[in-house]
Amino acid sequence: MDRIVTTPGVPGRDIAHVHGLVTGTAILGANVFRDIFAGLRDLVGGRSAAYERELSHAQSIAIGEMTDRARERGADAIVAVDVDYETIGGSMLMVSVSGTAVTLAP
């Protein structure tokens, strides 16, 4: 997938076809928090590298799912992408992404 953007369109490109909403979700279980808190010693300047790595990994999984669904519909881009982070039950982290799958004009 060449283009995954948060804007309503791809700059300089027209949208030829809208395929519809596509989503992706990744849920990290309770162990991620144990591992993160065990790694708090890597806290530097108020940031935890371990926590950031886990969030980045979950985001990659969710975007990968969304991208796969867009490709299945024949899309070559996803516009208006939104990324959300939520906790579930205090012990799990959910990353969800959504966007509009489109085919760009040549």
N, C-alpha and C. Protein backbone atom coordinates (compact mmCIF):
# COMPACT_ATOMS: atom_id res chain seq x y z
N MET A 1 0.86 -1.17 0.00
CA MET A 1 0.00 0.00 0.00
C MET A 1 0.91 1.23 0.00
N ASP A 2 0.84 1.98 -1.07
CA ASP A 2 1.71 3.15 -1.21
C ASP A 2 1.35 4.31 -0.29
N ARG A 3 0.07 4.56 -0.16
CA ARG A 3 -0.36 5.77 0.55
C ARG A 3 -1.32 5.43 1.68
N ILE A 4 -0.91 5.77 2.88
CA ILE A 4 -1.78 5.70 4.05
C ILE A 4 -1.65 7.06 4.72
N VAL A 5 -2.73 7.84 4.65
CA VAL A 5 -2.65 9.23 5.11
C VAL A 5 -3.82 9.58 6.03
N THR A 6 -3.59 10.57 6.88
CA THR A 6 -4.65 11.04 7.78
C THR A 6 -5.50 12.12 7.14
N THR A 7 -5.06 12.62 6.01
CA THR A 7 -5.80 13.67 5.32
C THR A 7 -6.96 13.07 4.52
N PRO A 8 -7.94 13.89 4.11
CA PRO A 8 -9.08 13.35 3.37
C PRO A 8 -8.76 12.92 1.94
N GLY A 9 -7.58 13.19 1.48
CA GLY A 9 -7.15 12.79 0.15
C GLY A 9 -5.64 12.76 0.10
N VAL A 10 -5.11 12.29 -1.01
CA VAL A 10 -3.67 12.25 -1.22
C VAL A 10 -3.30 13.50 -2.02
N PRO A 11 -2.46 14.36 -1.49
CA PRO A 11 -2.10 15.59 -2.20
C PRO A 11 -1.62 15.32 -3.63
N GLY A 12 -2.20 16.05 -4.56
CA GLY A 12 -1.81 15.93 -5.96
C GLY A 12 -2.42 14.76 -6.69
N ARG A 13 -3.27 13.99 -6.04
CA ARG A 13 -3.90 12.82 -6.67
C ARG A 13 -5.40 12.89 -6.50
N ASP A 14 -6.12 12.47 -7.52
CA ASP A 14 -7.57 12.38 -7.46
C ASP A 14 -7.96 10.97 -7.04
N ILE A 15 -9.11 10.86 -6.39
CA ILE A 15 -9.64 9.56 -6.01
C ILE A 15 -10.57 9.08 -7.11
N ALA A 16 -10.27 7.91 -7.67
CA ALA A 16 -11.08 7.35 -8.75
C ALA A 16 -12.25 6.53 -8.21
N HIS A 17 -12.04 5.84 -7.07
CA HIS A 17 -13.09 4.99 -6.53
C HIS A 17 -12.94 4.88 -5.02
N VAL A 18 -14.05 4.97 -4.32
CA VAL A 18 -14.07 4.78 -2.86
C VAL A 18 -14.59 3.37 -2.58
N HIS A 19 -13.79 2.58 -1.86
CA HIS A 19 -14.15 1.21 -1.55
C HIS A 19 -14.86 1.09 -0.20
N GLY A 20 -14.70 2.08 0.66
CA GLY A 20 -15.38 2.08 1.95
C GLY A 20 -14.44 1.97 3.13
N LEU A 21 -15.05 1.84 4.30
CA LEU A 21 -14.34 1.80 5.57
C LEU A 21 -13.52 0.52 5.71
N VAL A 22 -12.30 0.68 6.20
CA VAL A 22 -11.46 -0.46 6.56
C VAL A 22 -10.92 -0.21 7.97
N THR A 23 -10.75 -1.30 8.73
CA THR A 23 -10.30 -1.17 10.10
C THR A 23 -9.24 -2.22 10.42
N GLY A 24 -8.56 -2.00 11.51
CA GLY A 24 -7.60 -2.97 12.05
C GLY A 24 -7.52 -2.78 13.55
N THR A 25 -7.29 -3.87 14.27
CA THR A 25 -7.24 -3.81 15.73
C THR A 25 -6.13 -4.72 16.24
N ALA A 26 -5.46 -4.26 17.28
CA ALA A 26 -4.49 -5.10 17.98
C ALA A 26 -4.73 -4.93 19.47
N ILE A 27 -4.79 -6.04 20.18
CA ILE A 27 -4.98 -6.01 21.63
C ILE A 27 -3.79 -6.68 22.28
N LEU A 28 -3.16 -5.96 23.19
CA LEU A 28 -2.03 -6.50 23.93
C LEU A 28 -2.52 -6.92 25.31
N GLY A 29 -2.18 -8.13 25.72
CA GLY A 29 -2.67 -8.69 26.97
C GLY A 29 -1.96 -8.17 28.20
N ALA A 30 -2.34 -8.72 29.34
CA ALA A 30 -1.84 -8.28 30.64
C ALA A 30 -0.33 -8.37 30.75
N ASN A 31 0.28 -9.34 30.08
CA ASN A 31 1.73 -9.51 30.20
C ASN A 31 2.49 -8.30 29.71
N VAL A 32 1.91 -7.56 28.76
CA VAL A 32 2.62 -6.40 28.24
C VAL A 32 2.87 -5.38 29.35
N PHE A 33 1.89 -5.21 30.26
CA PHE A 33 2.07 -4.25 31.35
C PHE A 33 3.11 -4.74 32.34
N ARG A 34 3.12 -6.04 32.63
CA ARG A 34 4.14 -6.59 33.52
C ARG A 34 5.52 -6.36 32.93
N ASP A 35 5.65 -6.64 31.64
CA ASP A 35 6.93 -6.47 30.97
C ASP A 35 7.35 -5.01 30.94
N ILE A 36 6.39 -4.14 30.69
CA ILE A 36 6.70 -2.71 30.64
C ILE A 36 7.16 -2.21 32.01
N PHE A 37 6.42 -2.57 33.07
CA PHE A 37 6.79 -2.11 34.40
C PHE A 37 8.11 -2.72 34.84
N ALA A 38 8.40 -3.94 34.41
CA ALA A 38 9.69 -4.55 34.72
C ALA A 38 10.81 -3.78 34.02
N GLY A 39 10.49 -3.17 32.90
CA GLY A 39 11.50 -2.43 32.14
C GLY A 39 11.51 -0.94 32.41
N LEU A 40 10.87 -0.50 33.49
CA LEU A 40 10.83 0.94 33.76
C LEU A 40 12.20 1.53 34.02
N ARG A 41 13.17 0.68 34.25
CA ARG A 41 14.51 1.20 34.45
C ARG A 41 15.04 1.88 33.18
N ASP A 42 14.39 1.64 32.04
CA ASP A 42 14.83 2.31 30.81
C ASP A 42 14.12 3.65 30.63
N LEU A 43 13.47 4.12 31.69
CA LEU A 43 12.80 5.41 31.66
C LEU A 43 13.84 6.53 31.56
N VAL A 44 13.75 7.31 30.49
CA VAL A 44 14.70 8.40 30.28
C VAL A 44 13.91 9.64 29.89
N GLY A 45 14.09 10.70 30.64
CA GLY A 45 13.42 11.95 30.30
C GLY A 45 11.91 11.84 30.32
N GLY A 46 11.35 10.99 31.21
CA GLY A 46 9.91 10.85 31.31
C GLY A 46 9.31 9.92 30.27
N ARG A 47 10.13 9.25 29.47
CA ARG A 47 9.63 8.35 28.43
C ARG A 47 10.13 6.94 28.69
N SER A 48 9.27 5.97 28.45
CA SER A 48 9.65 4.57 28.59
C SER A 48 9.82 3.96 27.21
N ALA A 49 11.05 3.59 26.89
CA ALA A 49 11.32 3.00 25.58
C ALA A 49 10.57 1.68 25.41
N ALA A 50 10.44 0.89 26.50
CA ALA A 50 9.74 -0.39 26.41
C ALA A 50 8.27 -0.16 26.08
N TYR A 51 7.64 0.79 26.73
CA TYR A 51 6.23 1.09 26.49
C TYR A 51 6.04 1.59 25.06
N GLU A 52 6.93 2.47 24.61
CA GLU A 52 6.84 3.00 23.26
C GLU A 52 7.02 1.89 22.21
N ARG A 53 7.91 0.94 22.47
CA ARG A 53 8.09 -0.18 21.55
C ARG A 53 6.82 -1.02 21.45
N GLU A 54 6.19 -1.30 22.59
CA GLU A 54 4.96 -2.10 22.59
C GLU A 54 3.84 -1.37 21.85
N LEU A 55 3.70 -0.07 22.08
CA LEU A 55 2.68 0.70 21.37
C LEU A 55 2.95 0.71 19.87
N SER A 56 4.18 0.89 19.50
CA SER A 56 4.55 0.90 18.09
C SER A 56 4.26 -0.45 17.44
N HIS A 57 4.56 -1.52 18.16
CA HIS A 57 4.30 -2.87 17.64
C HIS A 57 2.80 -3.08 17.44
N ALA A 58 2.00 -2.71 18.42
CA ALA A 58 0.54 -2.85 18.32
C ALA A 58 -0.01 -2.01 17.17
N GLN A 59 0.51 -0.81 17.02
CA GLN A 59 0.06 0.05 15.92
C GLN A 59 0.41 -0.57 14.58
N SER A 60 1.58 -1.15 14.45
CA SER A 60 1.98 -1.81 13.20
C SER A 60 1.06 -2.98 12.86
N ILE A 61 0.69 -3.75 13.87
CA ILE A 61 -0.23 -4.87 13.66
C ILE A 61 -1.58 -4.36 13.16
N ALA A 62 -2.11 -3.35 13.83
CA ALA A 62 -3.43 -2.80 13.46
C ALA A 62 -3.41 -2.21 12.05
N ILE A 63 -2.36 -1.46 11.72
CA ILE A 63 -2.25 -0.87 10.38
C ILE A 63 -2.09 -1.97 9.34
N GLY A 64 -1.36 -3.02 9.67
CA GLY A 64 -1.21 -4.15 8.75
C GLY A 64 -2.54 -4.81 8.44
N GLU A 65 -3.37 -5.00 9.47
CA GLU A 65 -4.72 -5.58 9.25
C GLU A 65 -5.55 -4.68 8.35
N MET A 66 -5.53 -3.38 8.64
CA MET A 66 -6.31 -2.43 7.85
C MET A 66 -5.84 -2.42 6.40
N THR A 67 -4.54 -2.45 6.20
CA THR A 67 -3.96 -2.45 4.86
C THR A 67 -4.36 -3.72 4.10
N ASP A 68 -4.31 -4.87 4.76
CA ASP A 68 -4.72 -6.12 4.13
C ASP A 68 -6.17 -6.06 3.66
N ARG A 69 -7.03 -5.50 4.50
CA ARG A 69 -8.45 -5.39 4.14
C ARG A 69 -8.65 -4.44 2.96
N ALA A 70 -7.87 -3.37 2.91
CA ALA A 70 -7.97 -2.44 1.79
C ALA A 70 -7.52 -3.11 0.50
N ARG A 71 -6.44 -3.85 0.56
CA ARG A 71 -5.94 -4.57 -0.64
C ARG A 71 -6.96 -5.59 -1.13
N GLU A 72 -7.61 -6.29 -0.19
CA GLU A 72 -8.63 -7.28 -0.56
C GLU A 72 -9.77 -6.63 -1.36
N ARG A 73 -10.00 -5.37 -1.12
CA ARG A 73 -11.06 -4.65 -1.83
C ARG A 73 -10.56 -4.02 -3.13
N GLY A 74 -9.28 -4.14 -3.41
CA GLY A 74 -8.72 -3.58 -4.63
C GLY A 74 -8.22 -2.16 -4.49
N ALA A 75 -8.12 -1.67 -3.28
CA ALA A 75 -7.66 -0.29 -3.05
C ALA A 75 -6.14 -0.18 -3.16
N ASP A 76 -5.68 1.02 -3.50
CA ASP A 76 -4.24 1.26 -3.50
C ASP A 76 -3.83 2.37 -2.54
N ALA A 77 -4.80 2.87 -1.76
CA ALA A 77 -4.51 3.89 -0.77
C ALA A 77 -5.58 3.86 0.32
N ILE A 78 -5.23 4.43 1.47
CA ILE A 78 -6.20 4.59 2.55
C ILE A 78 -6.10 6.04 3.01
N VAL A 79 -7.23 6.73 3.02
CA VAL A 79 -7.27 8.14 3.42
C VAL A 79 -8.09 8.29 4.70
N ALA A 80 -7.96 9.47 5.32
CA ALA A 80 -8.71 9.81 6.54
C ALA A 80 -8.47 8.80 7.66
N VAL A 81 -7.22 8.38 7.82
CA VAL A 81 -6.87 7.37 8.82
C VAL A 81 -6.90 7.98 10.22
N ASP A 82 -7.49 7.22 11.15
CA ASP A 82 -7.56 7.62 12.56
C ASP A 82 -6.98 6.47 13.39
N VAL A 83 -6.16 6.81 14.38
CA VAL A 83 -5.56 5.82 15.27
C VAL A 83 -6.04 6.12 16.69
N ASP A 84 -6.57 5.10 17.37
CA ASP A 84 -7.06 5.27 18.74
C ASP A 84 -6.40 4.25 19.65
N TYR A 85 -6.16 4.67 20.89
CA TYR A 85 -5.58 3.81 21.92
C TYR A 85 -6.56 3.76 23.09
N GLU A 86 -6.85 2.56 23.58
CA GLU A 86 -7.78 2.39 24.70
C GLU A 86 -7.25 1.31 25.63
N THR A 87 -7.61 1.39 26.91
CA THR A 87 -7.35 0.30 27.83
C THR A 87 -8.64 -0.47 28.01
N ILE A 88 -8.51 -1.77 28.17
CA ILE A 88 -9.67 -2.64 28.37
C ILE A 88 -9.48 -3.36 29.69
N GLY A 89 -10.39 -3.15 30.61
CA GLY A 89 -10.34 -3.85 31.89
C GLY A 89 -9.10 -3.55 32.71
N GLY A 90 -8.40 -2.51 32.39
CA GLY A 90 -7.22 -2.12 33.15
C GLY A 90 -6.00 -3.00 32.92
N SER A 91 -6.16 -4.09 32.16
CA SER A 91 -5.02 -4.97 31.99
C SER A 91 -4.66 -5.23 30.53
N MET A 92 -5.43 -4.66 29.62
CA MET A 92 -5.14 -4.85 28.20
C MET A 92 -5.15 -3.50 27.50
N LEU A 93 -4.36 -3.42 26.46
CA LEU A 93 -4.27 -2.22 25.65
C LEU A 93 -4.77 -2.54 24.25
N MET A 94 -5.66 -1.71 23.73
CA MET A 94 -6.16 -1.92 22.38
C MET A 94 -5.77 -0.73 21.51
N VAL A 95 -5.24 -1.04 20.35
CA VAL A 95 -4.96 -0.04 19.33
C VAL A 95 -5.89 -0.33 18.17
N SER A 96 -6.68 0.65 17.77
CA SER A 96 -7.57 0.46 16.63
C SER A 96 -7.32 1.57 15.61
N VAL A 97 -7.37 1.19 14.36
CA VAL A 97 -7.18 2.14 13.26
C VAL A 97 -8.34 2.00 12.29
N SER A 98 -8.70 3.09 11.67
CA SER A 98 -9.75 3.05 10.65
C SER A 98 -9.44 4.09 9.59
N GLY A 99 -9.94 3.84 8.41
CA GLY A 99 -9.73 4.77 7.30
C GLY A 99 -10.63 4.38 6.15
N THR A 100 -10.55 5.14 5.08
CA THR A 100 -11.34 4.89 3.90
C THR A 100 -10.44 4.35 2.80
N ALA A 101 -10.74 3.15 2.33
CA ALA A 101 -9.97 2.52 1.25
C ALA A 101 -10.40 3.16 -0.08
N VAL A 102 -9.42 3.55 -0.88
CA VAL A 102 -9.70 4.19 -2.15
C VAL A 102 -8.74 3.69 -3.23
N THR A 103 -9.14 3.89 -4.48
CA THR A 103 -8.25 3.70 -5.61
C THR A 103 -7.97 5.08 -6.17
N LEU A 104 -6.69 5.38 -6.33
CA LEU A 104 -6.30 6.68 -6.85
C LEU A 104 -6.33 6.67 -8.37
N ALA A 105 -6.70 7.81 -8.94
CA ALA A 105 -6.70 7.96 -10.40
C ALA A 105 -5.26 7.96 -10.89
N PRO A 106 -5.03 7.44 -12.10
CA PRO A 106 -3.66 7.40 -12.64
C PRO A 106 -3.09 8.79 -12.87
